Each structure stands twice: as C-alpha cells, then as structure tokens.
C-alpha atoms as a PDB file:
ATOM      1  CA  UNK A   1      15.741 -20.670 -56.737  1.00  0.00           C
ATOM      2  CA  UNK A   2      11.971 -20.614 -57.095  1.00  0.00           C
ATOM      3  CA  UNK A   3       9.748 -17.542 -57.379  1.00  0.00           C
ATOM      4  CA  UNK A   4       8.359 -17.987 -53.867  1.00  0.00           C
ATOM      5  CA  UNK A   5      11.862 -18.016 -52.382  1.00  0.00           C
ATOM      6  CA  UNK A   6      12.760 -14.817 -54.240  1.00  0.00           C
ATOM      7  CA  UNK A   7       9.591 -13.009 -53.042  1.00  0.00           C
ATOM      8  CA  UNK A   8      10.104 -13.836 -49.380  1.00  0.00           C
ATOM      9  CA  UNK A   9      11.702 -10.970 -47.500  1.00  0.00           C
ATOM     10  CA  UNK A  10      13.852 -11.465 -44.411  1.00  0.00           C
ATOM     11  CA  UNK A  11      12.224 -10.454 -41.102  1.00  0.00           C
ATOM     12  CA  UNK A  12      14.472  -7.389 -40.858  1.00  0.00           C
ATOM     13  CA  UNK A  13      13.078  -5.991 -44.098  1.00  0.00           C
ATOM     14  CA  UNK A  14       9.472  -6.676 -43.045  1.00  0.00           C
ATOM     15  CA  UNK A  15      10.056  -4.916 -39.719  1.00  0.00           C
ATOM     16  CA  UNK A  16      11.776  -2.016 -41.446  1.00  0.00           C
ATOM     17  CA  UNK A  17       8.914  -1.620 -43.902  1.00  0.00           C
ATOM     18  CA  UNK A  18       6.360  -1.713 -41.081  1.00  0.00           C
ATOM     19  CA  UNK A  19       8.247   0.924 -39.112  1.00  0.00           C
ATOM     20  CA  UNK A  20       8.530   3.163 -42.162  1.00  0.00           C
ATOM     21  CA  UNK A  21       4.793   2.816 -42.824  1.00  0.00           C
ATOM     22  CA  UNK A  22       3.980   3.684 -39.231  1.00  0.00           C
ATOM     23  CA  UNK A  23       6.323   6.682 -39.239  1.00  0.00           C
ATOM     24  CA  UNK A  24       4.708   7.916 -42.443  1.00  0.00           C
ATOM     25  CA  UNK A  25       1.299   7.907 -40.785  1.00  0.00           C
ATOM     26  CA  UNK A  26       0.041   4.474 -41.660  1.00  0.00           C
ATOM     27  CA  UNK A  27      -1.304   3.851 -38.159  1.00  0.00           C
ATOM     28  CA  UNK A  28      -3.269   6.646 -36.481  1.00  0.00           C
ATOM     29  CA  UNK A  29      -3.701   6.456 -32.685  1.00  0.00           C
ATOM     30  CA  UNK A  30      -7.177   6.499 -31.251  1.00  0.00           C
ATOM     31  CA  UNK A  31      -8.238   9.686 -29.427  1.00  0.00           C
ATOM     32  CA  UNK A  32      -8.261   7.870 -26.059  1.00  0.00           C
ATOM     33  CA  UNK A  33      -4.631   6.805 -26.457  1.00  0.00           C
ATOM     34  CA  UNK A  34      -3.230  10.252 -27.262  1.00  0.00           C
ATOM     35  CA  UNK A  35      -2.706  11.680 -23.777  1.00  0.00           C
ATOM     36  CA  UNK A  36      -3.983  10.740 -20.346  1.00  0.00           C
ATOM     37  CA  UNK A  37      -5.876  13.434 -18.453  1.00  0.00           C
ATOM     38  CA  UNK A  38      -3.851  15.545 -16.053  1.00  0.00           C
ATOM     39  CA  UNK A  39      -4.014  14.261 -12.481  1.00  0.00           C
ATOM     40  CA  UNK A  40      -5.704  16.428  -9.873  1.00  0.00           C
ATOM     41  CA  UNK A  41      -3.531  18.330  -7.426  1.00  0.00           C
ATOM     42  CA  UNK A  42      -3.139  16.525  -4.106  1.00  0.00           C
ATOM     43  CA  UNK A  43      -4.574  18.296  -1.074  1.00  0.00           C
ATOM     44  CA  UNK A  44      -2.196  20.748   0.565  1.00  0.00           C
ATOM     45  CA  UNK A  45      -0.792  20.072   4.010  1.00  0.00           C
ATOM     46  CA  UNK A  46      -1.944  22.437   6.798  1.00  0.00           C
ATOM     47  CA  UNK A  47       1.571  23.793   7.426  1.00  0.00           C
ATOM     48  CA  UNK A  48       0.542  27.301   8.499  1.00  0.00           C
ATOM     49  CA  UNK A  49      -2.074  26.029  10.947  1.00  0.00           C
ATOM     50  CA  UNK A  50       0.402  23.591  12.518  1.00  0.00           C
ATOM     51  CA  UNK A  51       3.069  26.306  12.884  1.00  0.00           C
ATOM     52  CA  UNK A  52       0.627  28.732  14.493  1.00  0.00           C
ATOM     53  CA  UNK A  53      -0.598  26.047  16.892  1.00  0.00           C
ATOM     54  CA  UNK A  54       2.980  25.179  17.850  1.00  0.00           C
ATOM     55  CA  UNK A  55       3.780  28.866  18.396  1.00  0.00           C
ATOM     56  CA  UNK A  56       0.743  29.403  20.599  1.00  0.00           C
ATOM     57  CA  UNK A  57       1.453  26.254  22.608  1.00  0.00           C
ATOM     58  CA  UNK A  58       5.069  27.374  23.041  1.00  0.00           C
ATOM     59  CA  UNK A  59       4.001  30.796  24.294  1.00  0.00           C
ATOM     60  CA  UNK A  60       1.475  29.184  26.642  1.00  0.00           C
ATOM     61  CA  UNK A  61       4.020  26.700  27.973  1.00  0.00           C
ATOM     62  CA  UNK A  62       6.638  29.459  28.370  1.00  0.00           C
ATOM     63  CA  UNK A  63       4.187  31.647  30.237  1.00  0.00           C
ATOM     64  CA  UNK A  64       3.141  28.780  32.491  1.00  0.00           C
ATOM     65  CA  UNK A  65       6.774  27.860  33.211  1.00  0.00           C
ATOM     66  CA  UNK A  66       7.575  31.519  33.934  1.00  0.00           C
ATOM     67  CA  UNK A  67       4.623  31.826  36.304  1.00  0.00           C
ATOM     68  CA  UNK A  68       5.619  28.685  38.172  1.00  0.00           C
ATOM     69  CA  UNK A  69       9.228  29.874  38.620  1.00  0.00           C
ATOM     70  CA  UNK A  70       8.080  33.257  39.958  1.00  0.00           C
ATOM     71  CA  UNK A  71       5.925  31.646  42.641  1.00  0.00           C
END
C-alpha cells in the first residue's frame, strides 16, 4: 500500500468532515440568505359591506312584495 492510498479518505469521511465543519460554524450564511422579508397582508374582503347590501336589498324586496300583495 502506497502513501497516497493511505491518505485518501472514503467519500463518507469527507462528507462527514465537511458537515462537522459546517455545523461548527465553518460556513457563515450571507445576510440576504438568513430570512426572507415577511409578506404583506392581503387586502381584506368587503364582507360587512356585502352583508349590509344584501340585508337592505332583502328588506326592499320584502317591502315591494308586501306592497304588491296588498294591492
């Protein structure tokens, strides 16, 4: 066995050493890669306005139907 064959490490050991170095702080992330900015809130749906419009239209339609039946 030659010296170069003894010094070569199997891929598992190279990967393990790289992961240990990274876990120990060998590779620092750039500031841009730390956390994406929070997304803006989507616009709210006009639920209250739609409910009030439906209520008013229902009252109007009920009143009109009542007036027609009384005639």
